[in-house]
Amino acid sequence: MDMVMKLGAESPVVIFSKSTCCMSHSIETLIRGFGANPTVYELDKLPNGRQMENALIELGCQLSVPAVFIGKDFIGGSNEIMSLNVRGKLKNLLLKANAIWIEINFLTSKYSRPSFHNMY
């Protein structure tokens, strides 16, 4: 378990996943959508991945992956991450961990789309 905790503390966001797990991919995509660049360990591609998976289960993961650390703290799996997102708390957690620095919303930016009313 010490190895998993150490790896989980090395970056602002760390995701333990498996390359074939759709929930792992979804959680990684969600976190990247905020502009974070998580460190991802695909357990099925690591020589000691089975040991790490067992350590994650000992940590309290109901399923071994995805397991997410934010700001050196073990947050949990997909249910916990999705719940934080739905409650609007995931972004603040990423900001606090310095995984993201500013919020950019290109959909509402006046520079994101051309203005057609001035073209004619």
PDB file of N, CA and C in Angstrom:
ATOM      1  N   MET A   1       0.821  -1.195   0.000  1.00  0.00           N
ATOM      2  CA  MET A   1       0.000   0.000   0.000  1.00  0.00           C
ATOM      3  C   MET A   1       0.864   1.259   0.000  1.00  0.00           C
ATOM      4  N   ASP A   2       2.035   1.187   0.596  1.00  0.00           N
ATOM      5  CA  ASP A   2       2.919   2.352   0.645  1.00  0.00           C
ATOM      6  C   ASP A   2       3.302   2.833  -0.753  1.00  0.00           C
ATOM      7  N   MET A   3       3.536   1.880  -1.673  1.00  0.00           N
ATOM      8  CA  MET A   3       3.926   2.245  -3.031  1.00  0.00           C
ATOM      9  C   MET A   3       2.789   3.008  -3.724  1.00  0.00           C
ATOM     10  N   VAL A   4       1.562   2.563  -3.553  1.00  0.00           N
ATOM     11  CA  VAL A   4       0.409   3.223  -4.160  1.00  0.00           C
ATOM     12  C   VAL A   4       0.250   4.631  -3.581  1.00  0.00           C
ATOM     13  N   MET A   5       0.380   4.771  -2.276  1.00  0.00           N
ATOM     14  CA  MET A   5       0.262   6.090  -1.645  1.00  0.00           C
ATOM     15  C   MET A   5       1.362   7.026  -2.127  1.00  0.00           C
ATOM     16  N   LYS A   6       2.572   6.501  -2.279  1.00  0.00           N
ATOM     17  CA  LYS A   6       3.692   7.322  -2.751  1.00  0.00           C
ATOM     18  C   LYS A   6       3.452   7.792  -4.188  1.00  0.00           C
ATOM     19  N   LEU A   7       3.013   6.892  -5.057  1.00  0.00           N
ATOM     20  CA  LEU A   7       2.724   7.268  -6.438  1.00  0.00           C
ATOM     21  C   LEU A   7       1.551   8.246  -6.498  1.00  0.00           C
ATOM     22  N   GLY A   8       0.575   8.041  -5.647  1.00  0.00           N
ATOM     23  CA  GLY A   8      -0.586   8.915  -5.612  1.00  0.00           C
ATOM     24  C   GLY A   8      -0.266  10.338  -5.190  1.00  0.00           C
ATOM     25  N   ALA A   9       0.856  10.511  -4.507  1.00  0.00           N
ATOM     26  CA  ALA A   9       1.253  11.833  -4.022  1.00  0.00           C
ATOM     27  C   ALA A   9       2.252  12.530  -4.938  1.00  0.00           C
ATOM     28  N   GLU A  10       2.660  11.885  -6.025  1.00  0.00           N
ATOM     29  CA  GLU A  10       3.701  12.454  -6.879  1.00  0.00           C
ATOM     30  C   GLU A  10       3.223  13.543  -7.830  1.00  0.00           C
ATOM     31  N   SER A  11       1.946  13.582  -8.120  1.00  0.00           N
ATOM     32  CA  SER A  11       1.384  14.564  -9.050  1.00  0.00           C
ATOM     33  C   SER A  11       0.089  15.123  -8.470  1.00  0.00           C
ATOM     34  N   PRO A  12      -0.352  16.287  -8.964  1.00  0.00           N
ATOM     35  CA  PRO A  12      -1.608  16.838  -8.461  1.00  0.00           C
ATOM     36  C   PRO A  12      -2.807  15.903  -8.664  1.00  0.00           C
ATOM     37  N   VAL A  13      -2.819  15.169  -9.785  1.00  0.00           N
ATOM     38  CA  VAL A  13      -3.881  14.190 -10.042  1.00  0.00           C
ATOM     39  C   VAL A  13      -3.243  12.900 -10.540  1.00  0.00           C
ATOM     40  N   VAL A  14      -3.581  11.808  -9.876  1.00  0.00           N
ATOM     41  CA  VAL A  14      -3.086  10.491 -10.273  1.00  0.00           C
ATOM     42  C   VAL A  14      -4.286   9.561 -10.406  1.00  0.00           C
ATOM     43  N   ILE A  15      -4.328   8.856 -11.520  1.00  0.00           N
ATOM     44  CA  ILE A  15      -5.403   7.900 -11.761  1.00  0.00           C
ATOM     45  C   ILE A  15      -4.784   6.524 -11.971  1.00  0.00           C
ATOM     46  N   PHE A  16      -5.235   5.567 -11.183  1.00  0.00           N
ATOM     47  CA  PHE A  16      -4.876   4.169 -11.407  1.00  0.00           C
ATOM     48  C   PHE A  16      -6.013   3.570 -12.217  1.00  0.00           C
ATOM     49  N   SER A  17      -5.672   2.990 -13.359  1.00  0.00           N
ATOM     50  CA  SER A  17      -6.697   2.510 -14.268  1.00  0.00           C
ATOM     51  C   SER A  17      -6.273   1.201 -14.908  1.00  0.00           C
ATOM     52  N   LYS A  18      -7.113   0.737 -15.807  1.00  0.00           N
ATOM     53  CA  LYS A  18      -6.775  -0.381 -16.687  1.00  0.00           C
ATOM     54  C   LYS A  18      -7.108   0.066 -18.102  1.00  0.00           C
ATOM     55  N   SER A  19      -6.305  -0.362 -19.039  1.00  0.00           N
ATOM     56  CA  SER A  19      -6.466   0.089 -20.417  1.00  0.00           C
ATOM     57  C   SER A  19      -7.798  -0.345 -21.022  1.00  0.00           C
ATOM     58  N   THR A  20      -8.415  -1.380 -20.490  1.00  0.00           N
ATOM     59  CA  THR A  20      -9.672  -1.888 -21.040  1.00  0.00           C
ATOM     60  C   THR A  20     -10.900  -1.444 -20.251  1.00  0.00           C
ATOM     61  N   CYS A  21     -10.720  -0.591 -19.244  1.00  0.00           N
ATOM     62  CA  CYS A  21     -11.826  -0.187 -18.369  1.00  0.00           C
ATOM     63  C   CYS A  21     -12.468   1.093 -18.891  1.00  0.00           C
ATOM     64  N   CYS A  22     -13.735   0.993 -19.295  1.00  0.00           N
ATOM     65  CA  CYS A  22     -14.412   2.169 -19.843  1.00  0.00           C
ATOM     66  C   CYS A  22     -14.635   3.249 -18.780  1.00  0.00           C
ATOM     67  N   MET A  23     -14.858   2.870 -17.536  1.00  0.00           N
ATOM     68  CA  MET A  23     -15.042   3.876 -16.479  1.00  0.00           C
ATOM     69  C   MET A  23     -13.734   4.623 -16.213  1.00  0.00           C
ATOM     70  N   SER A  24     -12.619   3.910 -16.271  1.00  0.00           N
ATOM     71  CA  SER A  24     -11.319   4.571 -16.113  1.00  0.00           C
ATOM     72  C   SER A  24     -11.130   5.617 -17.205  1.00  0.00           C
ATOM     73  N   HIS A  25     -11.464   5.244 -18.419  1.00  0.00           N
ATOM     74  CA  HIS A  25     -11.344   6.169 -19.547  1.00  0.00           C
ATOM     75  C   HIS A  25     -12.274   7.373 -19.351  1.00  0.00           C
ATOM     76  N   SER A  26     -13.493   7.122 -18.898  1.00  0.00           N
ATOM     77  CA  SER A  26     -14.466   8.203 -18.692  1.00  0.00           C
ATOM     78  C   SER A  26     -13.999   9.180 -17.614  1.00  0.00           C
ATOM     79  N   ILE A  27     -13.472   8.658 -16.519  1.00  0.00           N
ATOM     80  CA  ILE A  27     -12.996   9.522 -15.429  1.00  0.00           C
ATOM     81  C   ILE A  27     -11.784  10.325 -15.880  1.00  0.00           C
ATOM     82  N   GLU A  28     -10.884   9.689 -16.613  1.00  0.00           N
ATOM     83  CA  GLU A  28      -9.721  10.410 -17.138  1.00  0.00           C
ATOM     84  C   GLU A  28     -10.169  11.525 -18.082  1.00  0.00           C
ATOM     85  N   THR A  29     -11.135  11.240 -18.948  1.00  0.00           N
ATOM     86  CA  THR A  29     -11.651  12.238 -19.880  1.00  0.00           C
ATOM     87  C   THR A  29     -12.322  13.393 -19.135  1.00  0.00           C
ATOM     88  N   LEU A  30     -13.087  13.082 -18.107  1.00  0.00           N
ATOM     89  CA  LEU A  30     -13.737  14.117 -17.301  1.00  0.00           C
ATOM     90  C   LEU A  30     -12.698  15.047 -16.676  1.00  0.00           C
ATOM     91  N   ILE A  31     -11.686  14.476 -16.068  1.00  0.00           N
ATOM     92  CA  ILE A  31     -10.660  15.282 -15.392  1.00  0.00           C
ATOM     93  C   ILE A  31      -9.860  16.090 -16.404  1.00  0.00           C
ATOM     94  N   ARG A  32      -9.535  15.499 -17.546  1.00  0.00           N
ATOM     95  CA  ARG A  32      -8.829  16.243 -18.592  1.00  0.00           C
ATOM     96  C   ARG A  32      -9.702  17.380 -19.137  1.00  0.00           C
ATOM     97  N   GLY A  33     -11.013  17.190 -19.105  1.00  0.00           N
ATOM     98  CA  GLY A  33     -11.940  18.214 -19.581  1.00  0.00           C
ATOM     99  C   GLY A  33     -11.864  19.505 -18.777  1.00  0.00           C
ATOM    100  N   PHE A  34     -11.403  19.421 -17.549  1.00  0.00           N
ATOM    101  CA  PHE A  34     -11.199  20.622 -16.730  1.00  0.00           C
ATOM    102  C   PHE A  34      -9.856  21.284 -17.025  1.00  0.00           C
ATOM    103  N   GLY A  35      -9.028  20.624 -17.838  1.00  0.00           N
ATOM    104  CA  GLY A  35      -7.710  21.154 -18.171  1.00  0.00           C
ATOM    105  C   GLY A  35      -6.587  20.534 -17.375  1.00  0.00           C
ATOM    106  N   ALA A  36      -6.899  19.562 -16.533  1.00  0.00           N
ATOM    107  CA  ALA A  36      -5.862  18.882 -15.754  1.00  0.00           C
ATOM    108  C   ALA A  36      -5.142  17.859 -16.629  1.00  0.00           C
ATOM    109  N   ASN A  37      -3.928  17.563 -16.261  1.00  0.00           N
ATOM    110  CA  ASN A  37      -3.131  16.565 -16.963  1.00  0.00           C
ATOM    111  C   ASN A  37      -2.733  15.479 -15.962  1.00  0.00           C
ATOM    112  N   PRO A  38      -3.627  14.519 -15.727  1.00  0.00           N
ATOM    113  CA  PRO A  38      -3.350  13.521 -14.700  1.00  0.00           C
ATOM    114  C   PRO A  38      -2.237  12.562 -15.095  1.00  0.00           C
ATOM    115  N   THR A  39      -1.545  12.063 -14.091  1.00  0.00           N
ATOM    116  CA  THR A  39      -0.622  10.952 -14.293  1.00  0.00           C
ATOM    117  C   THR A  39      -1.466   9.693 -14.218  1.00  0.00           C
ATOM    118  N   VAL A  40      -1.363   8.854 -15.238  1.00  0.00           N
ATOM    119  CA  VAL A  40      -2.197   7.665 -15.315  1.00  0.00           C
ATOM    120  C   VAL A  40      -1.318   6.422 -15.278  1.00  0.00           C
ATOM    121  N   TYR A  41      -1.635   5.527 -14.355  1.00  0.00           N
ATOM    122  CA  TYR A  41      -0.957   4.236 -14.264  1.00  0.00           C
ATOM    123  C   TYR A  41      -1.939   3.156 -14.689  1.00  0.00           C
ATOM    124  N   GLU A  42      -1.675   2.535 -15.825  1.00  0.00           N
ATOM    125  CA  GLU A  42      -2.524   1.448 -16.299  1.00  0.00           C
ATOM    126  C   GLU A  42      -2.001   0.145 -15.701  1.00  0.00           C
ATOM    127  N   LEU A  43      -2.725  -0.354 -14.726  1.00  0.00           N
ATOM    128  CA  LEU A  43      -2.258  -1.483 -13.939  1.00  0.00           C
ATOM    129  C   LEU A  43      -2.066  -2.750 -14.761  1.00  0.00           C
ATOM    130  N   ASP A  44      -2.856  -2.929 -15.810  1.00  0.00           N
ATOM    131  CA  ASP A  44      -2.719  -4.123 -16.637  1.00  0.00           C
ATOM    132  C   ASP A  44      -1.478  -4.081 -17.522  1.00  0.00           C
ATOM    133  N   LYS A  45      -0.793  -2.946 -17.564  1.00  0.00           N
ATOM    134  CA  LYS A  45       0.422  -2.824 -18.359  1.00  0.00           C
ATOM    135  C   LYS A  45       1.683  -2.732 -17.505  1.00  0.00           C
ATOM    136  N   LEU A  46       1.530  -2.783 -16.182  1.00  0.00           N
ATOM    137  CA  LEU A  46       2.677  -2.681 -15.279  1.00  0.00           C
ATOM    138  C   LEU A  46       3.038  -4.058 -14.733  1.00  0.00           C
ATOM    139  N   PRO A  47       4.342  -4.330 -14.586  1.00  0.00           N
ATOM    140  CA  PRO A  47       4.758  -5.628 -14.052  1.00  0.00           C
ATOM    141  C   PRO A  47       4.236  -5.893 -12.634  1.00  0.00           C
ATOM    142  N   ASN A  48       4.128  -4.861 -11.832  1.00  0.00           N
ATOM    143  CA  ASN A  48       3.640  -5.025 -10.463  1.00  0.00           C
ATOM    144  C   ASN A  48       2.194  -4.523 -10.322  1.00  0.00           C
ATOM    145  N   GLY A  49       1.480  -4.487 -11.427  1.00  0.00           N
ATOM    146  CA  GLY A  49       0.126  -3.963 -11.442  1.00  0.00           C
ATOM    147  C   GLY A  49      -0.845  -4.727 -10.559  1.00  0.00           C
ATOM    148  N   ARG A  50      -0.682  -6.042 -10.481  1.00  0.00           N
ATOM    149  CA  ARG A  50      -1.587  -6.841  -9.637  1.00  0.00           C
ATOM    150  C   ARG A  50      -1.400  -6.492  -8.164  1.00  0.00           C
ATOM    151  N   GLN A  51      -0.157  -6.292  -7.749  1.00  0.00           N
ATOM    152  CA  GLN A  51       0.117  -5.885  -6.365  1.00  0.00           C
ATOM    153  C   GLN A  51      -0.499  -4.520  -6.077  1.00  0.00           C
ATOM    154  N   MET A  52      -0.366  -3.605  -7.018  1.00  0.00           N
ATOM    155  CA  MET A  52      -0.921  -2.275  -6.849  1.00  0.00           C
ATOM    156  C   MET A  52      -2.446  -2.341  -6.787  1.00  0.00           C
ATOM    157  N   GLU A  53      -3.030  -3.198  -7.593  1.00  0.00           N
ATOM    158  CA  GLU A  53      -4.482  -3.365  -7.578  1.00  0.00           C
ATOM    159  C   GLU A  53      -4.952  -3.872  -6.215  1.00  0.00           C
ATOM    160  N   ASN A  54      -4.244  -4.827  -5.661  1.00  0.00           N
ATOM    161  CA  ASN A  54      -4.584  -5.337  -4.329  1.00  0.00           C
ATOM    162  C   ASN A  54      -4.455  -4.247  -3.265  1.00  0.00           C
ATOM    163  N   ALA A  55      -3.444  -3.411  -3.398  1.00  0.00           N
ATOM    164  CA  ALA A  55      -3.253  -2.317  -2.444  1.00  0.00           C
ATOM    165  C   ALA A  55      -4.394  -1.312  -2.534  1.00  0.00           C
ATOM    166  N   LEU A  56      -4.887  -1.062  -3.743  1.00  0.00           N
ATOM    167  CA  LEU A  56      -6.015  -0.142  -3.912  1.00  0.00           C
ATOM    168  C   LEU A  56      -7.273  -0.702  -3.265  1.00  0.00           C
ATOM    169  N   ILE A  57      -7.465  -1.998  -3.370  1.00  0.00           N
ATOM    170  CA  ILE A  57      -8.620  -2.630  -2.732  1.00  0.00           C
ATOM    171  C   ILE A  57      -8.507  -2.502  -1.211  1.00  0.00           C
ATOM    172  N   GLU A  58      -7.284  -2.656  -0.686  1.00  0.00           N
ATOM    173  CA  GLU A  58      -7.058  -2.472   0.755  1.00  0.00           C
ATOM    174  C   GLU A  58      -7.355  -1.035   1.186  1.00  0.00           C
ATOM    175  N   LEU A  59      -7.101  -0.089   0.274  1.00  0.00           N
ATOM    176  CA  LEU A  59      -7.352   1.322   0.564  1.00  0.00           C
ATOM    177  C   LEU A  59      -8.834   1.631   0.690  1.00  0.00           C
ATOM    178  N   GLY A  60      -9.658   0.788   0.121  1.00  0.00           N
ATOM    179  CA  GLY A  60     -11.095   1.012   0.225  1.00  0.00           C
ATOM    180  C   GLY A  60     -11.819   1.116  -1.089  1.00  0.00           C
ATOM    181  N   CYS A  61     -11.140   0.868  -2.189  1.00  0.00           N
ATOM    182  CA  CYS A  61     -11.818   0.879  -3.481  1.00  0.00           C
ATOM    183  C   CYS A  61     -12.726  -0.340  -3.565  1.00  0.00           C
ATOM    184  N   GLN A  62     -13.998  -0.124  -3.865  1.00  0.00           N
ATOM    185  CA  GLN A  62     -14.894  -1.256  -4.050  1.00  0.00           C
ATOM    186  C   GLN A  62     -14.459  -2.048  -5.267  1.00  0.00           C
ATOM    187  N   LEU A  63     -14.174  -1.347  -6.326  1.00  0.00           N
ATOM    188  CA  LEU A  63     -13.544  -1.931  -7.499  1.00  0.00           C
ATOM    189  C   LEU A  63     -12.161  -1.325  -7.543  1.00  0.00           C
ATOM    190  N   SER A  64     -11.214  -2.052  -8.051  1.00  0.00           N
ATOM    191  CA  SER A  64      -9.834  -1.564  -7.985  1.00  0.00           C
ATOM    192  C   SER A  64      -9.597  -0.326  -8.839  1.00  0.00           C
ATOM    193  N   VAL A  65     -10.279  -0.211  -9.963  1.00  0.00           N
ATOM    194  CA  VAL A  65     -10.062   0.930 -10.848  1.00  0.00           C
ATOM    195  C   VAL A  65     -11.391   1.484 -11.327  1.00  0.00           C
ATOM    196  N   PRO A  66     -11.451   2.738 -11.658  1.00  0.00           N
ATOM    197  CA  PRO A  66     -10.409   3.733 -11.469  1.00  0.00           C
ATOM    198  C   PRO A  66     -10.278   4.114  -9.999  1.00  0.00           C
ATOM    199  N   ALA A  67      -9.078   4.448  -9.623  1.00  0.00           N
ATOM    200  CA  ALA A  67      -8.788   4.960  -8.282  1.00  0.00           C
ATOM    201  C   ALA A  67      -8.080   6.300  -8.474  1.00  0.00           C
ATOM    202  N   VAL A  68      -8.616   7.338  -7.859  1.00  0.00           N
ATOM    203  CA  VAL A  68      -8.150   8.699  -8.134  1.00  0.00           C
ATOM    204  C   VAL A  68      -7.602   9.355  -6.874  1.00  0.00           C
ATOM    205  N   PHE A  69      -6.411   9.922  -7.027  1.00  0.00           N
ATOM    206  CA  PHE A  69      -5.787  10.748  -5.996  1.00  0.00           C
ATOM    207  C   PHE A  69      -5.784  12.179  -6.523  1.00  0.00           C
ATOM    208  N   ILE A  70      -6.211  13.112  -5.700  1.00  0.00           N
ATOM    209  CA  ILE A  70      -6.143  14.526  -6.046  1.00  0.00           C
ATOM    210  C   ILE A  70      -5.504  15.255  -4.873  1.00  0.00           C
ATOM    211  N   GLY A  71      -4.460  16.012  -5.174  1.00  0.00           N
ATOM    212  CA  GLY A  71      -3.773  16.752  -4.123  1.00  0.00           C
ATOM    213  C   GLY A  71      -3.192  15.844  -3.050  1.00  0.00           C
ATOM    214  N   LYS A  72      -2.642  14.730  -3.455  1.00  0.00           N
ATOM    215  CA  LYS A  72      -1.992  13.750  -2.570  1.00  0.00           C
ATOM    216  C   LYS A  72      -2.974  12.947  -1.720  1.00  0.00           C
ATOM    217  N   ASP A  73      -4.270  13.204  -1.858  1.00  0.00           N
ATOM    218  CA  ASP A  73      -5.279  12.492  -1.076  1.00  0.00           C
ATOM    219  C   ASP A  73      -6.009  11.490  -1.948  1.00  0.00           C
ATOM    220  N   PHE A  74      -6.273  10.321  -1.394  1.00  0.00           N
ATOM    221  CA  PHE A  74      -7.084   9.343  -2.094  1.00  0.00           C
ATOM    222  C   PHE A  74      -8.531   9.801  -2.044  1.00  0.00           C
ATOM    223  N   ILE A  75      -9.119  10.039  -3.217  1.00  0.00           N
ATOM    224  CA  ILE A  75     -10.494  10.529  -3.304  1.00  0.00           C
ATOM    225  C   ILE A  75     -11.470   9.366  -3.428  1.00  0.00           C
ATOM    226  N   GLY A  76     -11.127   8.406  -4.254  1.00  0.00           N
ATOM    227  CA  GLY A  76     -12.001   7.249  -4.431  1.00  0.00           C
ATOM    228  C   GLY A  76     -12.065   6.827  -5.882  1.00  0.00           C
ATOM    229  N   GLY A  77     -13.149   6.147  -6.196  1.00  0.00           N
ATOM    230  CA  GLY A  77     -13.344   5.622  -7.534  1.00  0.00           C
ATOM    231  C   GLY A  77     -14.282   6.478  -8.356  1.00  0.00           C
ATOM    232  N   SER A  78     -14.861   5.860  -9.363  1.00  0.00           N
ATOM    233  CA  SER A  78     -15.714   6.602 -10.293  1.00  0.00           C
ATOM    234  C   SER A  78     -16.951   7.191  -9.612  1.00  0.00           C
ATOM    235  N   ASN A  79     -17.543   6.470  -8.682  1.00  0.00           N
ATOM    236  CA  ASN A  79     -18.733   7.000  -7.994  1.00  0.00           C
ATOM    237  C   ASN A  79     -18.409   8.291  -7.249  1.00  0.00           C
ATOM    238  N   GLU A  80     -17.305   8.317  -6.545  1.00  0.00           N
ATOM    239  CA  GLU A  80     -16.923   9.501  -5.778  1.00  0.00           C
ATOM    240  C   GLU A  80     -16.595  10.683  -6.697  1.00  0.00           C
ATOM    241  N   ILE A  81     -15.875  10.404  -7.786  1.00  0.00           N
ATOM    242  CA  ILE A  81     -15.504  11.471  -8.713  1.00  0.00           C
ATOM    243  C   ILE A  81     -16.747  12.036  -9.401  1.00  0.00           C
ATOM    244  N   MET A  82     -17.633  11.160  -9.848  1.00  0.00           N
ATOM    245  CA  MET A  82     -18.863  11.630 -10.499  1.00  0.00           C
ATOM    246  C   MET A  82     -19.736  12.415  -9.524  1.00  0.00           C
ATOM    247  N   SER A  83     -19.806  11.965  -8.293  1.00  0.00           N
ATOM    248  CA  SER A  83     -20.589  12.667  -7.276  1.00  0.00           C
ATOM    249  C   SER A  83     -20.020  14.060  -7.030  1.00  0.00           C
ATOM    250  N   LEU A  84     -18.706  14.161  -6.918  1.00  0.00           N
ATOM    251  CA  LEU A  84     -18.075  15.476  -6.747  1.00  0.00           C
ATOM    252  C   LEU A  84     -18.385  16.380  -7.931  1.00  0.00           C
ATOM    253  N   ASN A  85     -18.351  15.824  -9.120  1.00  0.00           N
ATOM    254  CA  ASN A  85     -18.615  16.617 -10.312  1.00  0.00           C
ATOM    255  C   ASN A  85     -20.065  17.100 -10.341  1.00  0.00           C
ATOM    256  N   VAL A  86     -20.994  16.217 -10.052  1.00  0.00           N
ATOM    257  CA  VAL A  86     -22.412  16.576 -10.065  1.00  0.00           C
ATOM    258  C   VAL A  86     -22.711  17.664  -9.030  1.00  0.00           C
ATOM    259  N   ARG A  87     -22.041  17.596  -7.884  1.00  0.00           N
ATOM    260  CA  ARG A  87     -22.253  18.595  -6.833  1.00  0.00           C
ATOM    261  C   ARG A  87     -21.449  19.873  -7.060  1.00  0.00           C
ATOM    262  N   GLY A  88     -20.683  19.918  -8.166  1.00  0.00           N
ATOM    263  CA  GLY A  88     -19.904  21.115  -8.476  1.00  0.00           C
ATOM    264  C   GLY A  88     -18.655  21.283  -7.637  1.00  0.00           C
ATOM    265  N   LYS A  89     -18.154  20.214  -7.054  1.00  0.00           N
ATOM    266  CA  LYS A  89     -17.002  20.311  -6.156  1.00  0.00           C
ATOM    267  C   LYS A  89     -15.702  19.785  -6.764  1.00  0.00           C
ATOM    268  N   LEU A  90     -15.778  19.102  -7.886  1.00  0.00           N
ATOM    269  CA  LEU A  90     -14.566  18.533  -8.484  1.00  0.00           C
ATOM    270  C   LEU A  90     -13.633  19.629  -8.964  1.00  0.00           C
ATOM    271  N   LYS A  91     -14.164  20.645  -9.637  1.00  0.00           N
ATOM    272  CA  LYS A  91     -13.332  21.736 -10.148  1.00  0.00           C
ATOM    273  C   LYS A  91     -12.575  22.417  -9.011  1.00  0.00           C
ATOM    274  N   ASN A  92     -13.254  22.694  -7.907  1.00  0.00           N
ATOM    275  CA  ASN A  92     -12.594  23.348  -6.777  1.00  0.00           C
ATOM    276  C   ASN A  92     -11.497  22.464  -6.186  1.00  0.00           C
ATOM    277  N   LEU A  93     -11.731  21.174  -6.154  1.00  0.00           N
ATOM    278  CA  LEU A  93     -10.715  20.249  -5.657  1.00  0.00           C
ATOM    279  C   LEU A  93      -9.489  20.269  -6.566  1.00  0.00           C
ATOM    280  N   LEU A  94      -9.701  20.318  -7.873  1.00  0.00           N
ATOM    281  CA  LEU A  94      -8.596  20.388  -8.837  1.00  0.00           C
ATOM    282  C   LEU A  94      -7.851  21.710  -8.721  1.00  0.00           C
ATOM    283  N   LEU A  95      -8.584  22.799  -8.511  1.00  0.00           N
ATOM    284  CA  LEU A  95      -7.945  24.104  -8.311  1.00  0.00           C
ATOM    285  C   LEU A  95      -7.090  24.112  -7.052  1.00  0.00           C
ATOM    286  N   LYS A  96      -7.639  23.590  -5.969  1.00  0.00           N
ATOM    287  CA  LYS A  96      -6.931  23.563  -4.693  1.00  0.00           C
ATOM    288  C   LYS A  96      -5.652  22.725  -4.779  1.00  0.00           C
ATOM    289  N   ALA A  97      -5.678  21.669  -5.586  1.00  0.00           N
ATOM    290  CA  ALA A  97      -4.515  20.790  -5.746  1.00  0.00           C
ATOM    291  C   ALA A  97      -3.512  21.331  -6.759  1.00  0.00           C
ATOM    292  N   ASN A  98      -3.805  22.492  -7.344  1.00  0.00           N
ATOM    293  CA  ASN A  98      -2.971  23.075  -8.399  1.00  0.00           C
ATOM    294  C   ASN A  98      -2.871  22.180  -9.625  1.00  0.00           C
ATOM    295  N   ALA A  99      -3.915  21.410  -9.871  1.00  0.00           N
ATOM    296  CA  ALA A  99      -3.984  20.593 -11.079  1.00  0.00           C
ATOM    297  C   ALA A  99      -4.459  21.443 -12.253  1.00  0.00           C
ATOM    298  N   ILE A 100      -5.223  22.488 -11.931  1.00  0.00           N
ATOM    299  CA  ILE A 100      -5.628  23.486 -12.910  1.00  0.00           C
ATOM    300  C   ILE A 100      -5.431  24.849 -12.249  1.00  0.00           C
ATOM    301  N   TRP A 101      -5.243  25.874 -13.061  1.00  0.00           N
ATOM    302  CA  TRP A 101      -4.955  27.187 -12.495  1.00  0.00           C
ATOM    303  C   TRP A 101      -6.046  28.199 -12.743  1.00  0.00           C
ATOM    304  N   ILE A 102      -6.590  28.199 -13.942  1.00  0.00           N
ATOM    305  CA  ILE A 102      -7.635  29.155 -14.263  1.00  0.00           C
ATOM    306  C   ILE A 102      -8.761  28.428 -14.977  1.00  0.00           C
ATOM    307  N   GLU A 103      -9.907  29.035 -14.925  1.00  0.00           N
ATOM    308  CA  GLU A 103     -11.047  28.471 -15.641  1.00  0.00           C
ATOM    309  C   GLU A 103     -11.217  29.231 -16.940  1.00  0.00           C
ATOM    310  N   ILE A 104     -11.234  28.491 -18.024  1.00  0.00           N
ATOM    311  CA  ILE A 104     -11.461  29.099 -19.327  1.00  0.00           C
ATOM    312  C   ILE A 104     -12.713  28.456 -19.897  1.00  0.00           C
ATOM    313  N   ASN A 105     -13.670  29.269 -20.232  1.00  0.00           N
ATOM    314  CA  ASN A 105     -14.884  28.758 -20.825  1.00  0.00           C
ATOM    315  C   ASN A 105     -14.986  29.335 -22.232  1.00  0.00           C
ATOM    316  N   PHE A 106     -14.529  28.564 -23.203  1.00  0.00           N
ATOM    317  CA  PHE A 106     -14.509  29.042 -24.575  1.00  0.00           C
ATOM    318  C   PHE A 106     -15.911  29.183 -25.159  1.00  0.00           C
ATOM    319  N   LEU A 107     -16.875  28.498 -24.580  1.00  0.00           N
ATOM    320  CA  LEU A 107     -18.228  28.582 -25.112  1.00  0.00           C
ATOM    321  C   LEU A 107     -18.864  29.934 -24.850  1.00  0.00           C
ATOM    322  N   THR A 108     -18.444  30.606 -23.800  1.00  0.00           N
ATOM    323  CA  THR A 108     -19.034  31.909 -23.488  1.00  0.00           C
ATOM    324  C   THR A 108     -18.096  33.067 -23.784  1.00  0.00           C
ATOM    325  N   SER A 109     -16.902  32.772 -24.224  1.00  0.00           N
ATOM    326  CA  SER A 109     -15.951  33.831 -24.526  1.00  0.00           C
ATOM    327  C   SER A 109     -16.370  34.572 -25.792  1.00  0.00           C
ATOM    328  N   LYS A 110     -16.238  35.909 -25.767  1.00  0.00           N
ATOM    329  CA  LYS A 110     -16.601  36.675 -26.958  1.00  0.00           C
ATOM    330  C   LYS A 110     -15.625  36.414 -28.109  1.00  0.00           C
ATOM    331  N   TYR A 111     -14.472  35.794 -27.799  1.00  0.00           N
ATOM    332  CA  TYR A 111     -13.474  35.515 -28.824  1.00  0.00           C
ATOM    333  C   TYR A 111     -13.585  34.099 -29.371  1.00  0.00           C
ATOM    334  N   SER A 112     -14.519  33.322 -28.876  1.00  0.00           N
ATOM    335  CA  SER A 112     -14.554  31.918 -29.254  1.00  0.00           C
ATOM    336  C   SER A 112     -15.263  31.666 -30.581  1.00  0.00           C
ATOM    337  N   ARG A 113     -16.163  32.558 -30.969  1.00  0.00           N
ATOM    338  CA  ARG A 113     -16.913  32.350 -32.200  1.00  0.00           C
ATOM    339  C   ARG A 113     -16.858  33.610 -33.045  1.00  0.00           C
ATOM    340  N   PRO A 114     -16.852  33.436 -34.348  1.00  0.00           N
ATOM    341  CA  PRO A 114     -16.877  34.634 -35.186  1.00  0.00           C
ATOM    342  C   PRO A 114     -18.211  35.343 -35.056  1.00  0.00           C
ATOM    343  N   SER A 115     -18.172  36.629 -35.152  1.00  0.00           N
ATOM    344  CA  SER A 115     -19.404  37.415 -35.097  1.00  0.00           C
ATOM    345  C   SER A 115     -19.845  37.676 -36.524  1.00  0.00           C
ATOM    346  N   PHE A 116     -20.960  37.075 -36.915  1.00  0.00           N
ATOM    347  CA  PHE A 116     -21.428  37.190 -38.282  1.00  0.00           C
ATOM    348  C   PHE A 116     -22.189  38.480 -38.547  1.00  0.00           C
ATOM    349  N   HIS A 117     -22.681  39.152 -37.500  1.00  0.00           N
ATOM    350  CA  HIS A 117     -23.453  40.375 -37.742  1.00  0.00           C
ATOM    351  C   HIS A 117     -22.580  41.525 -38.260  1.00  0.00           C
ATOM    352  N   ASN A 118     -21.279  41.452 -38.051  1.00  0.00           N
ATOM    353  CA  ASN A 118     -20.394  42.527 -38.542  1.00  0.00           C
ATOM    354  C   ASN A 118     -19.787  42.202 -39.901  1.00  0.00           C
ATOM    355  N   MET A 119     -20.113  41.059 -40.449  1.00  0.00           N
ATOM    356  CA  MET A 119     -19.473  40.646 -41.692  1.00  0.00           C
ATOM    357  C   MET A 119     -20.111  41.280 -42.928  1.00  0.00           C
ATOM    358  N   TYR A 120     -21.341  41.760 -42.838  1.00  0.00           N
ATOM    359  CA  TYR A 120     -22.037  42.258 -44.039  1.00  0.00           C
ATOM    360  C   TYR A 120     -22.370  43.709 -43.946  1.00  0.00           C
TER     361      TYR A 120
END
